[in-house]
Amino acid sequence: MKRLIIVAALATLGACSREEAPAPEATEEVAAAPVEVMAADGKSPVGKYTVTTAAGEVINEELKADGTYVDMKDGKQVETGKWVQKSAETFCYTKDEEGAKEVCNTEKVDDKGVWTSVNPEGKSATIVRVEG
């Protein structure tokens, strides 16, 4: 019986002295943050703009981070809707009107720094970012 106790004690000590294999490190997959598409000027599209149509009409536009926009003319709200910047060259919006369809404009900044936006009918407007 003494031998059995000694053997059991030695087996227990032997088990304690063995190095345990390290637990595998937890690997955490980090979801890639969505990449925000930049506006034609290389900045975030979120912000305030002055839009001047070819006919000289001036609209103050605010693109909000929640994907909505507000257009003001002469201090009065004239349009609201949703927007998406699909690429630096493609800005799309959908008016908050029954049956409204998405409209996409082609945008670019020329070598003189003039930002233009052209709608599907070929009408252009000049865009100026309002800082601050």
N, C-alpha and C. Protein backbone atom coordinates (compact mmCIF):
# COMPACT_ATOMS: atom_id res chain seq x y z
N MET A 1 0.82 -1.17 0.00
CA MET A 1 0.00 0.00 0.00
C MET A 1 0.87 1.24 0.00
N LYS A 2 2.00 1.19 0.78
CA LYS A 2 2.91 2.33 0.81
C LYS A 2 3.43 2.62 -0.59
N ARG A 3 3.76 1.55 -1.30
CA ARG A 3 4.27 1.73 -2.64
C ARG A 3 3.24 2.42 -3.54
N LEU A 4 2.01 2.01 -3.40
CA LEU A 4 0.95 2.58 -4.21
C LEU A 4 0.82 4.06 -3.94
N ILE A 5 0.91 4.48 -2.70
CA ILE A 5 0.82 5.90 -2.33
C ILE A 5 2.02 6.65 -2.88
N ILE A 6 3.20 6.08 -2.77
CA ILE A 6 4.40 6.73 -3.27
C ILE A 6 4.32 6.87 -4.79
N VAL A 7 3.90 5.84 -5.49
CA VAL A 7 3.79 5.87 -6.94
C VAL A 7 2.77 6.93 -7.35
N ALA A 8 1.66 6.97 -6.62
CA ALA A 8 0.63 7.96 -6.95
C ALA A 8 1.16 9.37 -6.71
N ALA A 9 1.92 9.57 -5.63
CA ALA A 9 2.48 10.88 -5.32
C ALA A 9 3.48 11.29 -6.38
N LEU A 10 4.34 10.36 -6.81
CA LEU A 10 5.32 10.67 -7.85
C LEU A 10 4.62 10.98 -9.18
N ALA A 11 3.55 10.28 -9.48
CA ALA A 11 2.82 10.53 -10.72
C ALA A 11 2.20 11.93 -10.68
N THR A 12 1.70 12.28 -9.51
CA THR A 12 1.10 13.61 -9.37
C THR A 12 2.16 14.69 -9.51
N LEU A 13 3.31 14.51 -8.90
CA LEU A 13 4.40 15.48 -9.02
C LEU A 13 4.88 15.56 -10.46
N GLY A 14 4.96 14.44 -11.13
CA GLY A 14 5.40 14.42 -12.52
C GLY A 14 4.44 15.17 -13.42
N ALA A 15 3.18 15.03 -13.13
CA ALA A 15 2.18 15.74 -13.94
C ALA A 15 2.29 17.24 -13.72
N CYS A 16 2.60 17.65 -12.51
CA CYS A 16 2.71 19.08 -12.21
C CYS A 16 3.94 19.70 -12.85
N SER A 17 5.00 18.93 -12.98
CA SER A 17 6.24 19.51 -13.48
C SER A 17 6.28 19.56 -15.01
N ARG A 18 5.36 18.87 -15.69
CA ARG A 18 5.36 18.92 -17.15
C ARG A 18 4.95 20.30 -17.62
N GLU A 19 5.62 20.72 -18.66
CA GLU A 19 5.24 22.01 -19.24
C GLU A 19 3.97 21.81 -20.03
N GLU A 20 3.03 22.69 -19.76
CA GLU A 20 1.80 22.63 -20.51
C GLU A 20 1.99 23.38 -21.81
N ALA A 21 1.40 22.86 -22.85
CA ALA A 21 1.47 23.54 -24.13
C ALA A 21 0.72 24.87 -24.01
N PRO A 22 1.31 25.94 -24.53
CA PRO A 22 0.63 27.22 -24.41
C PRO A 22 -0.71 27.18 -25.14
N ALA A 23 -1.66 27.83 -24.54
CA ALA A 23 -2.99 27.91 -25.17
C ALA A 23 -2.85 28.69 -26.47
N PRO A 24 -3.54 28.27 -27.48
CA PRO A 24 -3.44 29.03 -28.73
C PRO A 24 -3.94 30.46 -28.52
N GLU A 25 -3.21 31.37 -29.11
CA GLU A 25 -3.61 32.77 -28.95
C GLU A 25 -4.91 33.01 -29.69
N ALA A 26 -5.74 33.76 -29.02
CA ALA A 26 -7.01 34.09 -29.64
C ALA A 26 -6.75 35.04 -30.81
N THR A 27 -7.29 34.70 -31.92
CA THR A 27 -7.14 35.60 -33.06
C THR A 27 -8.45 36.33 -33.24
N GLU A 28 -8.34 37.59 -33.31
CA GLU A 28 -9.53 38.42 -33.44
C GLU A 28 -9.56 39.00 -34.83
N GLU A 29 -10.61 38.67 -35.55
CA GLU A 29 -10.73 39.24 -36.88
C GLU A 29 -11.32 40.62 -36.74
N VAL A 30 -10.60 41.58 -37.24
CA VAL A 30 -11.08 42.95 -37.17
C VAL A 30 -11.68 43.30 -38.52
N ALA A 31 -12.93 43.70 -38.46
CA ALA A 31 -13.59 44.08 -39.71
C ALA A 31 -12.94 45.34 -40.24
N ALA A 32 -12.68 45.33 -41.50
CA ALA A 32 -12.08 46.51 -42.12
C ALA A 32 -13.07 47.66 -42.06
N ALA A 33 -12.59 48.81 -41.67
CA ALA A 33 -13.45 49.99 -41.62
C ALA A 33 -13.83 50.36 -43.04
N PRO A 34 -15.11 50.74 -43.21
CA PRO A 34 -15.49 51.11 -44.57
C PRO A 34 -14.69 52.31 -45.05
N VAL A 35 -14.29 52.26 -46.27
CA VAL A 35 -13.51 53.34 -46.84
C VAL A 35 -14.47 54.37 -47.40
N GLU A 36 -14.33 55.59 -46.94
CA GLU A 36 -15.21 56.64 -47.43
C GLU A 36 -14.72 57.11 -48.79
N VAL A 37 -15.63 57.20 -49.72
CA VAL A 37 -15.30 57.69 -51.05
C VAL A 37 -15.19 59.21 -50.96
N MET A 38 -14.16 59.75 -51.52
CA MET A 38 -13.93 61.19 -51.48
C MET A 38 -14.68 61.90 -52.60
N ALA A 39 -14.95 63.16 -52.36
CA ALA A 39 -15.58 64.01 -53.38
C ALA A 39 -14.54 64.37 -54.44
N ALA A 40 -14.97 65.08 -55.45
CA ALA A 40 -14.08 65.45 -56.56
C ALA A 40 -12.86 66.24 -56.09
N ASP A 41 -13.00 66.98 -54.97
CA ASP A 41 -11.87 67.77 -54.48
C ASP A 41 -10.94 67.00 -53.56
N GLY A 42 -11.19 65.69 -53.39
CA GLY A 42 -10.32 64.85 -52.58
C GLY A 42 -10.62 64.88 -51.10
N LYS A 43 -11.69 65.54 -50.70
CA LYS A 43 -12.09 65.61 -49.30
C LYS A 43 -13.38 64.84 -49.10
N SER A 44 -13.77 64.69 -47.84
CA SER A 44 -15.04 64.04 -47.53
C SER A 44 -16.18 64.79 -48.20
N PRO A 45 -17.14 64.08 -48.74
CA PRO A 45 -18.27 64.78 -49.34
C PRO A 45 -19.17 65.46 -48.32
N VAL A 46 -19.11 65.05 -47.07
CA VAL A 46 -19.93 65.68 -46.04
C VAL A 46 -19.48 67.13 -45.88
N GLY A 47 -20.43 68.06 -45.90
CA GLY A 47 -20.09 69.46 -45.73
C GLY A 47 -21.09 70.38 -46.38
N LYS A 48 -20.70 71.65 -46.46
CA LYS A 48 -21.56 72.68 -47.02
C LYS A 48 -20.96 73.20 -48.32
N TYR A 49 -21.83 73.49 -49.29
CA TYR A 49 -21.40 73.90 -50.61
C TYR A 49 -22.26 75.05 -51.13
N THR A 50 -21.67 75.83 -52.02
CA THR A 50 -22.42 76.80 -52.81
C THR A 50 -22.43 76.26 -54.22
N VAL A 51 -23.64 76.05 -54.75
CA VAL A 51 -23.81 75.50 -56.09
C VAL A 51 -24.36 76.62 -56.97
N THR A 52 -23.66 76.94 -58.04
CA THR A 52 -24.11 77.97 -58.97
C THR A 52 -24.39 77.31 -60.31
N THR A 53 -25.65 77.37 -60.74
CA THR A 53 -26.04 76.74 -62.01
C THR A 53 -25.55 77.60 -63.17
N ALA A 54 -25.58 77.02 -64.37
CA ALA A 54 -25.17 77.76 -65.57
C ALA A 54 -26.06 78.98 -65.78
N ALA A 55 -27.30 78.93 -65.27
CA ALA A 55 -28.23 80.06 -65.40
C ALA A 55 -28.01 81.12 -64.32
N GLY A 56 -27.05 80.87 -63.40
CA GLY A 56 -26.74 81.84 -62.36
C GLY A 56 -27.50 81.66 -61.06
N GLU A 57 -28.32 80.64 -60.96
CA GLU A 57 -29.05 80.35 -59.73
C GLU A 57 -28.07 79.84 -58.67
N VAL A 58 -28.16 80.39 -57.44
CA VAL A 58 -27.25 80.01 -56.36
C VAL A 58 -28.03 79.22 -55.30
N ILE A 59 -27.53 78.04 -55.01
CA ILE A 59 -28.14 77.16 -54.02
C ILE A 59 -27.09 76.82 -52.98
N ASN A 60 -27.46 76.91 -51.72
CA ASN A 60 -26.58 76.50 -50.62
C ASN A 60 -27.00 75.10 -50.22
N GLU A 61 -26.04 74.18 -50.34
CA GLU A 61 -26.34 72.77 -50.10
C GLU A 61 -25.52 72.26 -48.93
N GLU A 62 -26.18 71.45 -48.09
CA GLU A 62 -25.48 70.79 -46.99
C GLU A 62 -25.66 69.29 -47.15
N LEU A 63 -24.54 68.58 -47.24
CA LEU A 63 -24.54 67.12 -47.27
C LEU A 63 -24.21 66.65 -45.87
N LYS A 64 -25.15 65.94 -45.26
CA LYS A 64 -24.98 65.50 -43.87
C LYS A 64 -24.41 64.09 -43.82
N ALA A 65 -23.75 63.78 -42.70
CA ALA A 65 -23.10 62.48 -42.53
C ALA A 65 -24.09 61.32 -42.52
N ASP A 66 -25.36 61.59 -42.25
CA ASP A 66 -26.35 60.53 -42.24
C ASP A 66 -26.88 60.18 -43.63
N GLY A 67 -26.31 60.80 -44.68
CA GLY A 67 -26.71 60.50 -46.04
C GLY A 67 -27.89 61.32 -46.54
N THR A 68 -28.24 62.37 -45.81
CA THR A 68 -29.31 63.26 -46.26
C THR A 68 -28.72 64.60 -46.67
N TYR A 69 -29.49 65.37 -47.44
CA TYR A 69 -29.05 66.70 -47.83
C TYR A 69 -30.20 67.68 -47.72
N VAL A 70 -29.82 68.96 -47.63
CA VAL A 70 -30.77 70.06 -47.59
C VAL A 70 -30.26 71.12 -48.54
N ASP A 71 -31.13 71.59 -49.43
CA ASP A 71 -30.80 72.69 -50.34
C ASP A 71 -31.59 73.93 -49.91
N MET A 72 -30.89 75.06 -49.83
CA MET A 72 -31.50 76.34 -49.44
C MET A 72 -31.27 77.35 -50.56
N LYS A 73 -32.29 78.17 -50.80
CA LYS A 73 -32.18 79.24 -51.79
C LYS A 73 -32.83 80.47 -51.18
N ASP A 74 -32.09 81.57 -51.16
CA ASP A 74 -32.58 82.82 -50.57
C ASP A 74 -33.07 82.61 -49.14
N GLY A 75 -32.34 81.76 -48.40
CA GLY A 75 -32.66 81.54 -46.99
C GLY A 75 -33.82 80.59 -46.74
N LYS A 76 -34.39 80.01 -47.79
CA LYS A 76 -35.53 79.11 -47.64
C LYS A 76 -35.16 77.72 -48.15
N GLN A 77 -35.64 76.71 -47.42
CA GLN A 77 -35.40 75.34 -47.84
C GLN A 77 -36.19 75.05 -49.11
N VAL A 78 -35.50 74.58 -50.14
CA VAL A 78 -36.16 74.31 -51.42
C VAL A 78 -36.15 72.82 -51.79
N GLU A 79 -35.29 72.02 -51.12
CA GLU A 79 -35.23 70.60 -51.46
C GLU A 79 -34.53 69.83 -50.36
N THR A 80 -34.97 68.60 -50.17
CA THR A 80 -34.30 67.67 -49.26
C THR A 80 -34.25 66.32 -49.95
N GLY A 81 -33.39 65.45 -49.46
CA GLY A 81 -33.30 64.11 -50.03
C GLY A 81 -32.15 63.33 -49.46
N LYS A 82 -31.78 62.29 -50.17
CA LYS A 82 -30.67 61.42 -49.77
C LYS A 82 -29.58 61.50 -50.84
N TRP A 83 -28.33 61.35 -50.43
CA TRP A 83 -27.21 61.45 -51.35
C TRP A 83 -26.25 60.28 -51.13
N VAL A 84 -25.45 60.00 -52.16
CA VAL A 84 -24.38 59.01 -52.05
C VAL A 84 -23.27 59.41 -53.02
N GLN A 85 -22.04 59.33 -52.55
CA GLN A 85 -20.87 59.61 -53.38
C GLN A 85 -20.36 58.25 -53.83
N LYS A 86 -20.66 57.87 -55.07
CA LYS A 86 -20.30 56.54 -55.55
C LYS A 86 -18.83 56.44 -55.94
N SER A 87 -18.28 57.55 -56.40
CA SER A 87 -16.84 57.66 -56.70
C SER A 87 -16.53 59.15 -56.69
N ALA A 88 -15.26 59.49 -56.81
CA ALA A 88 -14.91 60.91 -56.83
C ALA A 88 -15.56 61.62 -58.01
N GLU A 89 -15.87 60.87 -59.05
CA GLU A 89 -16.47 61.45 -60.26
C GLU A 89 -17.99 61.31 -60.33
N THR A 90 -18.59 60.54 -59.40
CA THR A 90 -20.03 60.27 -59.49
C THR A 90 -20.73 60.59 -58.18
N PHE A 91 -21.56 61.63 -58.21
CA PHE A 91 -22.36 62.04 -57.06
C PHE A 91 -23.83 61.80 -57.40
N CYS A 92 -24.54 61.06 -56.55
CA CYS A 92 -25.93 60.74 -56.82
C CYS A 92 -26.83 61.23 -55.69
N TYR A 93 -28.05 61.58 -56.05
CA TYR A 93 -29.02 62.04 -55.05
C TYR A 93 -30.42 61.61 -55.45
N THR A 94 -31.27 61.52 -54.44
CA THR A 94 -32.68 61.18 -54.65
C THR A 94 -33.49 62.17 -53.82
N LYS A 95 -34.34 62.92 -54.47
CA LYS A 95 -35.17 63.91 -53.79
C LYS A 95 -36.18 63.20 -52.88
N ASP A 96 -36.58 63.90 -51.81
CA ASP A 96 -37.63 63.41 -50.93
C ASP A 96 -38.98 63.76 -51.54
N GLU A 97 -39.30 63.11 -52.64
CA GLU A 97 -40.58 63.31 -53.31
C GLU A 97 -41.14 61.95 -53.68
N GLU A 98 -42.44 61.85 -53.72
CA GLU A 98 -43.11 60.63 -54.14
C GLU A 98 -42.62 60.24 -55.54
N GLY A 99 -42.14 59.01 -55.70
CA GLY A 99 -41.73 58.50 -57.00
C GLY A 99 -40.39 59.01 -57.51
N ALA A 100 -39.64 59.74 -56.67
CA ALA A 100 -38.35 60.28 -57.11
C ALA A 100 -37.37 59.15 -57.42
N LYS A 101 -36.57 59.34 -58.45
CA LYS A 101 -35.55 58.37 -58.85
C LYS A 101 -34.17 58.98 -58.62
N GLU A 102 -33.21 58.11 -58.40
CA GLU A 102 -31.83 58.55 -58.19
C GLU A 102 -31.30 59.21 -59.46
N VAL A 103 -30.64 60.35 -59.27
CA VAL A 103 -30.00 61.08 -60.36
C VAL A 103 -28.50 61.12 -60.04
N CYS A 104 -27.68 60.83 -61.03
CA CYS A 104 -26.24 60.85 -60.81
C CYS A 104 -25.59 61.89 -61.70
N ASN A 105 -24.76 62.74 -61.09
CA ASN A 105 -24.02 63.77 -61.80
C ASN A 105 -22.56 63.35 -61.93
N THR A 106 -21.93 63.79 -62.99
CA THR A 106 -20.51 63.58 -63.19
C THR A 106 -19.79 64.82 -62.69
N GLU A 107 -18.78 64.62 -61.84
CA GLU A 107 -18.07 65.75 -61.24
C GLU A 107 -16.58 65.66 -61.48
N LYS A 108 -15.96 66.84 -61.58
CA LYS A 108 -14.50 66.88 -61.72
C LYS A 108 -14.00 68.26 -61.30
N VAL A 109 -12.74 68.29 -60.95
CA VAL A 109 -12.05 69.54 -60.67
C VAL A 109 -11.00 69.69 -61.77
N ASP A 110 -11.06 70.80 -62.50
CA ASP A 110 -10.12 70.97 -63.63
C ASP A 110 -8.76 71.45 -63.14
N ASP A 111 -7.83 71.63 -64.06
CA ASP A 111 -6.46 72.01 -63.70
C ASP A 111 -6.38 73.42 -63.11
N LYS A 112 -7.44 74.21 -63.21
CA LYS A 112 -7.47 75.54 -62.59
C LYS A 112 -8.17 75.52 -61.24
N GLY A 113 -8.60 74.33 -60.82
CA GLY A 113 -9.25 74.19 -59.51
C GLY A 113 -10.74 74.45 -59.52
N VAL A 114 -11.34 74.55 -60.70
CA VAL A 114 -12.78 74.79 -60.80
C VAL A 114 -13.51 73.44 -60.76
N TRP A 115 -14.44 73.31 -59.81
CA TRP A 115 -15.19 72.08 -59.62
C TRP A 115 -16.52 72.21 -60.35
N THR A 116 -16.76 71.29 -61.28
CA THR A 116 -18.02 71.31 -62.01
C THR A 116 -18.77 70.00 -61.82
N SER A 117 -20.08 70.11 -61.88
CA SER A 117 -20.97 68.97 -61.78
C SER A 117 -21.92 69.03 -62.97
N VAL A 118 -22.02 67.92 -63.71
CA VAL A 118 -22.86 67.88 -64.91
C VAL A 118 -23.93 66.81 -64.70
N ASN A 119 -25.21 67.21 -64.86
CA ASN A 119 -26.30 66.26 -64.68
C ASN A 119 -26.52 65.44 -65.96
N PRO A 120 -27.40 64.43 -65.90
CA PRO A 120 -27.60 63.58 -67.08
C PRO A 120 -28.09 64.32 -68.32
N GLU A 121 -28.72 65.49 -68.15
CA GLU A 121 -29.18 66.27 -69.31
C GLU A 121 -28.07 67.14 -69.90
N GLY A 122 -26.89 67.11 -69.28
CA GLY A 122 -25.77 67.90 -69.78
C GLY A 122 -25.68 69.30 -69.19
N LYS A 123 -26.56 69.65 -68.25
CA LYS A 123 -26.51 70.97 -67.61
C LYS A 123 -25.45 70.95 -66.53
N SER A 124 -24.63 72.01 -66.50
CA SER A 124 -23.54 72.04 -65.53
C SER A 124 -23.76 73.08 -64.45
N ALA A 125 -23.07 72.87 -63.35
CA ALA A 125 -23.08 73.79 -62.22
C ALA A 125 -21.66 73.84 -61.68
N THR A 126 -21.33 74.96 -61.06
CA THR A 126 -20.03 75.13 -60.42
C THR A 126 -20.23 74.91 -58.92
N ILE A 127 -19.33 74.15 -58.33
CA ILE A 127 -19.43 73.80 -56.93
C ILE A 127 -18.28 74.47 -56.18
N VAL A 128 -18.60 75.08 -55.04
CA VAL A 128 -17.58 75.65 -54.17
C VAL A 128 -17.84 75.13 -52.76
N ARG A 129 -16.83 74.49 -52.18
CA ARG A 129 -16.95 74.01 -50.79
C ARG A 129 -16.89 75.21 -49.85
N VAL A 130 -17.82 75.25 -48.90
CA VAL A 130 -17.85 76.31 -47.89
C VAL A 130 -17.17 75.76 -46.65
N GLU A 131 -16.00 76.27 -46.35
CA GLU A 131 -15.24 75.78 -45.20
C GLU A 131 -15.81 76.38 -43.91
N GLY A 132 -15.69 75.58 -42.84
CA GLY A 132 -16.08 76.09 -41.52
C GLY A 132 -17.44 75.91 -41.18
